[in-house]
Amino acid sequence: QVSLVESGGGLVQPGGSLRLTCAASGSIFSSDDMGWYRQGPGKEREWVATIYRGVITNYRDSVKGRFTVSRDGAKNTMFLQMNSLRPDDTAVYFCNIRHLNANYWGQGTQVTVSS
């Protein structure tokens, strides 16, 4: 059984920064692909970033250069460093892991960017 718990969300002013953490428990592999998704108010869930096999990263265009995804394989933890935050980054952020051909999701953490 795999479980994911996100933390680090909160209220931040435009231009500010936050660091999200996703803690995974269970018998996952350091080579499992992990990612971040978000769902803004009245919007569908959208992909934000992925880290493949703990090394290769990919981002949606709107966050490139502002967000950085990383992973501590030894601690089964993934991070999302978010800089230069904008109001349209406001959303519930979810982490995801693809493990043995199954997808697992956390409960999400709220990020609100507002002055």
Protein backbone atom coordinates (compact mmCIF):
# COMPACT_ATOMS: atom_id res chain seq x y z
CA GLN A 1 0.00 0.00 0.00
CA VAL A 2 1.32 3.42 -1.01
CA SER A 3 0.23 6.67 0.59
CA LEU A 4 1.20 10.25 -0.14
CA VAL A 5 0.93 13.28 2.13
CA GLU A 6 1.45 16.83 0.87
CA SER A 7 2.43 19.78 3.05
CA GLY A 8 3.78 23.30 2.74
CA GLY A 9 0.84 25.12 1.21
CA GLY A 10 -0.44 28.44 2.46
CA LEU A 11 -1.17 32.06 1.66
CA VAL A 12 1.54 34.05 -0.08
CA GLN A 13 1.69 37.42 -1.81
CA PRO A 14 2.33 37.68 -5.55
CA GLY A 15 6.03 37.32 -6.23
CA GLY A 16 6.54 35.21 -3.15
CA SER A 17 7.76 31.65 -2.73
CA LEU A 18 6.58 28.40 -1.23
CA ARG A 19 8.08 24.93 -0.98
CA LEU A 20 5.73 21.98 -1.13
CA THR A 21 6.66 18.57 0.20
CA CYS A 22 5.22 15.18 -0.70
CA ALA A 23 6.05 12.39 1.73
CA ALA A 24 5.53 8.88 0.39
CA SER A 25 5.15 5.77 2.49
CA GLY A 26 5.06 2.15 1.39
CA SER A 27 7.38 0.06 -0.73
CA ILE A 28 7.99 2.51 -3.54
CA PHE A 29 11.02 2.54 -5.78
CA SER A 30 13.42 5.44 -6.20
CA SER A 31 12.91 4.95 -9.94
CA ASP A 32 9.13 5.48 -9.76
CA ASP A 33 7.94 8.56 -11.63
CA MET A 34 6.47 11.23 -9.37
CA GLY A 35 4.65 14.40 -10.24
CA TRP A 36 2.70 17.44 -9.12
CA TYR A 37 -0.75 18.42 -10.32
CA ARG A 38 -3.06 21.26 -9.35
CA GLN A 39 -6.72 22.15 -9.47
CA GLY A 40 -7.70 25.80 -9.39
CA PRO A 41 -11.13 27.12 -8.44
CA GLY A 42 -13.66 26.07 -11.03
CA LYS A 43 -10.99 24.37 -13.12
CA GLU A 44 -10.04 20.82 -13.98
CA ARG A 45 -6.98 19.21 -12.48
CA GLU A 46 -3.88 19.96 -14.55
CA TRP A 47 -0.38 18.60 -14.68
CA VAL A 48 2.37 20.85 -13.29
CA ALA A 49 5.66 18.93 -13.22
CA THR A 50 7.11 15.44 -13.26
CA ILE A 51 10.39 13.94 -12.12
CA TYR A 52 11.20 10.76 -14.03
CA ARG A 53 13.28 8.04 -12.35
CA GLY A 54 14.30 10.59 -9.76
CA VAL A 55 16.39 12.56 -12.24
CA ILE A 56 14.72 13.91 -15.39
CA THR A 57 12.29 16.78 -14.94
CA ASN A 58 9.59 18.28 -17.10
CA TYR A 59 7.26 21.24 -16.52
CA ARG A 60 4.16 22.81 -17.97
CA ASP A 61 5.05 25.95 -19.89
CA SER A 62 3.44 28.40 -17.47
CA VAL A 63 5.70 27.34 -14.56
CA LYS A 64 8.99 26.85 -16.40
CA GLY A 65 11.73 28.96 -14.87
CA ARG A 66 9.67 29.54 -11.70
CA PHE A 67 9.05 26.04 -10.27
CA THR A 68 11.59 23.33 -9.54
CA VAL A 69 10.73 19.71 -8.76
CA SER A 70 13.20 17.54 -6.92
CA ARG A 71 13.31 14.29 -5.02
CA ASP A 72 15.12 12.77 -2.08
CA GLY A 73 15.01 9.10 -2.98
CA ALA A 74 16.50 7.96 0.31
CA LYS A 75 13.64 9.63 2.19
CA ASN A 76 10.88 8.91 -0.34
CA THR A 77 10.17 12.62 -0.50
CA MET A 78 9.45 14.94 -3.41
CA PHE A 79 9.55 18.71 -3.35
CA LEU A 80 8.18 21.54 -5.45
CA GLN A 81 9.98 24.85 -5.01
CA MET A 82 7.70 27.60 -6.30
CA ASN A 83 9.11 31.07 -6.88
CA SER A 84 7.66 34.23 -8.40
CA LEU A 85 4.18 33.03 -7.58
CA ARG A 86 1.24 34.58 -9.39
CA PRO A 87 -2.46 34.73 -8.55
CA ASP A 88 -3.19 32.19 -11.30
CA ASP A 89 -1.03 29.67 -9.43
CA THR A 90 -3.75 29.54 -6.79
CA ALA A 91 -4.92 25.94 -6.55
CA VAL A 92 -4.95 22.77 -4.53
CA TYR A 93 -1.68 21.00 -5.31
CA PHE A 94 -1.60 17.20 -5.42
CA CYS A 95 1.32 14.83 -5.65
CA ASN A 96 1.21 11.64 -7.65
CA ILE A 97 3.32 8.52 -7.99
CA ARG A 98 3.23 5.85 -10.64
CA HIS A 99 4.13 2.60 -8.90
CA LEU A 100 3.81 -0.88 -10.46
CA ASN A 101 1.45 0.48 -13.13
CA ALA A 102 -0.88 2.05 -10.58
CA ASN A 103 -1.39 5.73 -9.83
CA TYR A 104 -1.56 7.02 -6.26
CA TRP A 105 -2.61 10.48 -5.12
CA GLY A 106 -2.30 12.57 -2.00
CA GLN A 107 -5.12 14.61 -0.49
CA GLY A 108 -3.69 17.93 -1.66
CA THR A 109 -2.44 21.14 -0.10
CA GLN A 110 -3.96 24.57 -0.74
CA VAL A 111 -1.81 27.32 -2.25
CA THR A 112 -3.33 30.79 -2.37
CA VAL A 113 -1.51 33.68 -4.03
CA SER A 114 -3.12 36.96 -3.14
CA SER A 115 -2.29 40.42 -1.89
